Amino acid sequence: MTEPIEGWLTTTGAAELTGYNVKYLRWLINQGRIEARKVQRDWLVNKESLLAYKARMDALGAQKHNPWREDLGEGRGRRKGGDE
């Protein structure tokens, strides 16, 4: 895996580094969850941003699937009018 620009990876390189599928990485880019830049027809992923995201997900473990976890705040995953 080579870095085209220091600190940036192609989606293929990012997939090799993290074990994530390239389609999942593109979804993360579209959602704004990882930093990326389009260069001509290719996406370059910021390595630091990607590794920080992966570390957060690894630390959450199974909790990452809990839509009511505290770090999501009021705007995401909260039931309206539910028991608080």
N, C-alpha and C. Protein backbone atom coordinates (compact mmCIF):
# COMPACT_ATOMS: atom_id res chain seq x y z
N MET A 1 0.85 -1.17 0.00
CA MET A 1 0.00 0.00 0.00
C MET A 1 0.90 1.23 0.00
N THR A 2 0.71 2.07 -0.98
CA THR A 2 1.48 3.30 -1.04
C THR A 2 0.56 4.49 -0.84
N GLU A 3 1.08 5.52 -0.22
CA GLU A 3 0.32 6.74 -0.01
C GLU A 3 0.62 7.69 -1.17
N PRO A 4 -0.40 8.08 -1.95
CA PRO A 4 -0.16 8.98 -3.09
C PRO A 4 0.34 10.35 -2.63
N ILE A 5 -0.19 10.82 -1.52
CA ILE A 5 0.23 12.07 -0.90
C ILE A 5 0.38 11.75 0.59
N GLU A 6 1.42 12.22 1.20
CA GLU A 6 1.67 11.88 2.60
C GLU A 6 0.45 12.19 3.46
N GLY A 7 0.00 11.18 4.21
CA GLY A 7 -1.14 11.34 5.09
C GLY A 7 -2.48 11.05 4.44
N TRP A 8 -2.48 10.72 3.16
CA TRP A 8 -3.72 10.44 2.43
C TRP A 8 -3.62 9.08 1.76
N LEU A 9 -4.73 8.35 1.73
CA LEU A 9 -4.77 7.01 1.15
C LEU A 9 -5.87 6.93 0.09
N THR A 10 -5.67 6.09 -0.89
CA THR A 10 -6.76 5.79 -1.81
C THR A 10 -7.79 4.96 -1.03
N THR A 11 -9.00 4.84 -1.57
CA THR A 11 -9.99 4.02 -0.88
C THR A 11 -9.54 2.56 -0.81
N THR A 12 -8.83 2.11 -1.83
CA THR A 12 -8.31 0.74 -1.79
C THR A 12 -7.27 0.58 -0.69
N GLY A 13 -6.37 1.56 -0.57
CA GLY A 13 -5.36 1.52 0.49
C GLY A 13 -5.99 1.62 1.87
N ALA A 14 -7.04 2.43 1.99
CA ALA A 14 -7.74 2.57 3.26
C ALA A 14 -8.44 1.27 3.62
N ALA A 15 -8.99 0.58 2.63
CA ALA A 15 -9.64 -0.71 2.87
C ALA A 15 -8.62 -1.74 3.34
N GLU A 16 -7.45 -1.75 2.73
CA GLU A 16 -6.40 -2.68 3.14
C GLU A 16 -5.95 -2.40 4.57
N LEU A 17 -5.84 -1.14 4.93
CA LEU A 17 -5.38 -0.75 6.25
C LEU A 17 -6.38 -1.12 7.35
N THR A 18 -7.66 -0.90 7.09
CA THR A 18 -8.68 -1.06 8.13
C THR A 18 -9.45 -2.37 8.06
N GLY A 19 -9.49 -2.98 6.89
CA GLY A 19 -10.32 -4.16 6.72
C GLY A 19 -11.75 -3.81 6.34
N TYR A 20 -12.05 -2.51 6.18
CA TYR A 20 -13.37 -2.07 5.75
C TYR A 20 -13.51 -2.30 4.25
N ASN A 21 -14.74 -2.51 3.80
CA ASN A 21 -15.04 -2.64 2.39
C ASN A 21 -14.96 -1.25 1.73
N VAL A 22 -14.54 -1.20 0.48
CA VAL A 22 -14.44 0.07 -0.24
C VAL A 22 -15.79 0.78 -0.32
N LYS A 23 -16.87 0.02 -0.50
CA LYS A 23 -18.21 0.63 -0.55
C LYS A 23 -18.56 1.27 0.80
N TYR A 24 -18.18 0.62 1.89
CA TYR A 24 -18.43 1.19 3.22
C TYR A 24 -17.62 2.48 3.40
N LEU A 25 -16.39 2.49 2.93
CA LEU A 25 -15.57 3.70 3.02
C LEU A 25 -16.21 4.84 2.23
N ARG A 26 -16.73 4.55 1.06
CA ARG A 26 -17.41 5.59 0.27
C ARG A 26 -18.64 6.10 1.00
N TRP A 27 -19.36 5.21 1.69
CA TRP A 27 -20.51 5.62 2.48
C TRP A 27 -20.07 6.55 3.61
N LEU A 28 -18.97 6.19 4.29
CA LEU A 28 -18.44 7.04 5.37
C LEU A 28 -18.07 8.42 4.84
N ILE A 29 -17.49 8.46 3.66
CA ILE A 29 -17.12 9.74 3.02
C ILE A 29 -18.39 10.55 2.76
N ASN A 30 -19.39 9.92 2.15
CA ASN A 30 -20.64 10.62 1.82
C ASN A 30 -21.36 11.12 3.07
N GLN A 31 -21.24 10.41 4.17
CA GLN A 31 -21.87 10.80 5.43
C GLN A 31 -21.05 11.86 6.17
N GLY A 32 -19.83 12.11 5.72
CA GLY A 32 -18.96 13.09 6.37
C GLY A 32 -18.33 12.56 7.65
N ARG A 33 -18.26 11.26 7.80
CA ARG A 33 -17.71 10.67 9.02
C ARG A 33 -16.19 10.56 8.99
N ILE A 34 -15.63 10.55 7.80
CA ILE A 34 -14.18 10.59 7.65
C ILE A 34 -13.84 11.67 6.62
N GLU A 35 -12.67 12.26 6.79
CA GLU A 35 -12.25 13.32 5.88
C GLU A 35 -11.70 12.71 4.60
N ALA A 36 -12.13 13.26 3.47
CA ALA A 36 -11.66 12.77 2.18
C ALA A 36 -11.72 13.91 1.16
N ARG A 37 -10.93 13.78 0.13
CA ARG A 37 -10.89 14.75 -0.96
C ARG A 37 -10.94 14.00 -2.28
N LYS A 38 -11.67 14.56 -3.22
CA LYS A 38 -11.71 13.96 -4.55
C LYS A 38 -10.61 14.58 -5.39
N VAL A 39 -9.77 13.74 -5.95
CA VAL A 39 -8.68 14.17 -6.82
C VAL A 39 -8.92 13.47 -8.16
N GLN A 40 -9.29 14.27 -9.14
CA GLN A 40 -9.70 13.77 -10.45
C GLN A 40 -10.87 12.81 -10.26
N ARG A 41 -10.70 11.53 -10.54
CA ARG A 41 -11.82 10.61 -10.38
C ARG A 41 -11.72 9.77 -9.11
N ASP A 42 -10.65 9.91 -8.36
CA ASP A 42 -10.42 9.08 -7.18
C ASP A 42 -10.64 9.84 -5.89
N TRP A 43 -11.03 9.13 -4.86
CA TRP A 43 -11.15 9.70 -3.53
C TRP A 43 -9.90 9.37 -2.74
N LEU A 44 -9.37 10.36 -2.03
CA LEU A 44 -8.25 10.17 -1.12
C LEU A 44 -8.79 10.39 0.29
N VAL A 45 -8.50 9.44 1.15
CA VAL A 45 -8.99 9.45 2.53
C VAL A 45 -7.87 9.91 3.44
N ASN A 46 -8.19 10.82 4.36
CA ASN A 46 -7.21 11.28 5.34
C ASN A 46 -6.95 10.14 6.31
N LYS A 47 -5.69 9.71 6.38
CA LYS A 47 -5.32 8.55 7.19
C LYS A 47 -5.61 8.78 8.67
N GLU A 48 -5.30 9.97 9.18
CA GLU A 48 -5.53 10.29 10.59
C GLU A 48 -7.03 10.24 10.93
N SER A 49 -7.85 10.80 10.06
CA SER A 49 -9.30 10.80 10.25
C SER A 49 -9.84 9.37 10.24
N LEU A 50 -9.37 8.57 9.31
CA LEU A 50 -9.80 7.18 9.19
C LEU A 50 -9.43 6.37 10.43
N LEU A 51 -8.19 6.51 10.88
CA LEU A 51 -7.76 5.74 12.05
C LEU A 51 -8.47 6.20 13.32
N ALA A 52 -8.79 7.48 13.41
CA ALA A 52 -9.55 7.99 14.56
C ALA A 52 -10.96 7.41 14.56
N TYR A 53 -11.59 7.36 13.39
CA TYR A 53 -12.93 6.77 13.27
C TYR A 53 -12.89 5.30 13.67
N LYS A 54 -11.92 4.57 13.14
CA LYS A 54 -11.81 3.13 13.44
C LYS A 54 -11.58 2.92 14.94
N ALA A 55 -10.75 3.74 15.56
CA ALA A 55 -10.50 3.62 17.00
C ALA A 55 -11.78 3.86 17.79
N ARG A 56 -12.58 4.87 17.39
CA ARG A 56 -13.86 5.14 18.07
C ARG A 56 -14.79 3.94 17.95
N MET A 57 -14.89 3.37 16.77
CA MET A 57 -15.78 2.23 16.56
C MET A 57 -15.30 1.00 17.31
N ASP A 58 -13.99 0.78 17.33
CA ASP A 58 -13.44 -0.35 18.07
C ASP A 58 -13.68 -0.19 19.57
N ALA A 59 -13.56 1.04 20.07
CA ALA A 59 -13.77 1.30 21.50
C ALA A 59 -15.24 1.11 21.88
N LEU A 60 -16.16 1.47 20.99
CA LEU A 60 -17.58 1.30 21.27
C LEU A 60 -18.01 -0.16 21.26
N GLY A 61 -17.34 -0.96 20.47
CA GLY A 61 -17.71 -2.37 20.38
C GLY A 61 -19.16 -2.52 19.93
N ALA A 62 -19.91 -3.36 20.61
CA ALA A 62 -21.31 -3.60 20.25
C ALA A 62 -22.17 -2.36 20.50
N GLN A 63 -21.75 -1.46 21.37
CA GLN A 63 -22.50 -0.23 21.66
C GLN A 63 -22.67 0.65 20.44
N LYS A 64 -21.81 0.48 19.42
CA LYS A 64 -21.92 1.34 18.23
C LYS A 64 -23.25 1.15 17.52
N HIS A 65 -23.95 0.05 17.81
CA HIS A 65 -25.24 -0.22 17.18
C HIS A 65 -26.42 0.27 18.02
N ASN A 66 -26.16 0.85 19.18
CA ASN A 66 -27.21 1.31 20.08
C ASN A 66 -27.64 2.72 19.68
N PRO A 67 -28.87 2.88 19.13
CA PRO A 67 -29.30 4.21 18.68
C PRO A 67 -29.60 5.17 19.82
N TRP A 68 -29.64 4.69 21.07
CA TRP A 68 -29.94 5.56 22.22
C TRP A 68 -28.72 5.87 23.06
N ARG A 69 -27.53 5.59 22.55
CA ARG A 69 -26.35 5.88 23.36
C ARG A 69 -26.17 7.38 23.52
N GLU A 70 -25.53 7.78 24.60
CA GLU A 70 -25.44 9.18 25.00
C GLU A 70 -24.68 10.07 24.02
N ASP A 71 -23.65 9.57 23.35
CA ASP A 71 -22.84 10.43 22.49
C ASP A 71 -23.56 10.87 21.22
N LEU A 72 -24.74 10.34 20.94
CA LEU A 72 -25.48 10.75 19.76
C LEU A 72 -26.27 12.03 19.99
N GLY A 73 -26.49 12.38 21.24
CA GLY A 73 -27.19 13.63 21.56
C GLY A 73 -28.67 13.57 21.25
N GLU A 74 -29.31 14.71 21.32
CA GLU A 74 -30.76 14.80 21.14
C GLU A 74 -31.19 14.60 19.70
N GLY A 75 -30.36 14.99 18.75
CA GLY A 75 -30.78 15.01 17.36
C GLY A 75 -30.79 13.66 16.66
N ARG A 76 -30.08 12.68 17.18
CA ARG A 76 -29.97 11.40 16.48
C ARG A 76 -30.36 10.24 17.38
N GLY A 77 -31.20 9.39 16.88
CA GLY A 77 -31.47 8.14 17.54
C GLY A 77 -32.29 8.22 18.82
N ARG A 78 -32.81 9.36 19.15
CA ARG A 78 -33.60 9.50 20.38
C ARG A 78 -35.08 9.30 20.07
N ARG A 79 -35.78 8.62 20.95
CA ARG A 79 -37.22 8.49 20.82
C ARG A 79 -37.88 9.76 21.29
N LYS A 80 -38.84 10.25 20.55
CA LYS A 80 -39.56 11.44 20.98
C LYS A 80 -40.68 11.01 21.92
N GLY A 81 -40.74 11.67 23.07
CA GLY A 81 -41.78 11.39 24.03
C GLY A 81 -41.60 10.10 24.80
N GLY A 82 -40.45 9.47 24.64
CA GLY A 82 -40.18 8.21 25.34
C GLY A 82 -39.71 8.44 26.75
N ASP A 83 -39.54 7.37 27.47
CA ASP A 83 -39.03 7.48 28.84
C ASP A 83 -37.59 7.92 28.82
N GLU A 84 -37.28 8.92 29.57
CA GLU A 84 -35.91 9.45 29.60
C GLU A 84 -35.20 8.95 30.84
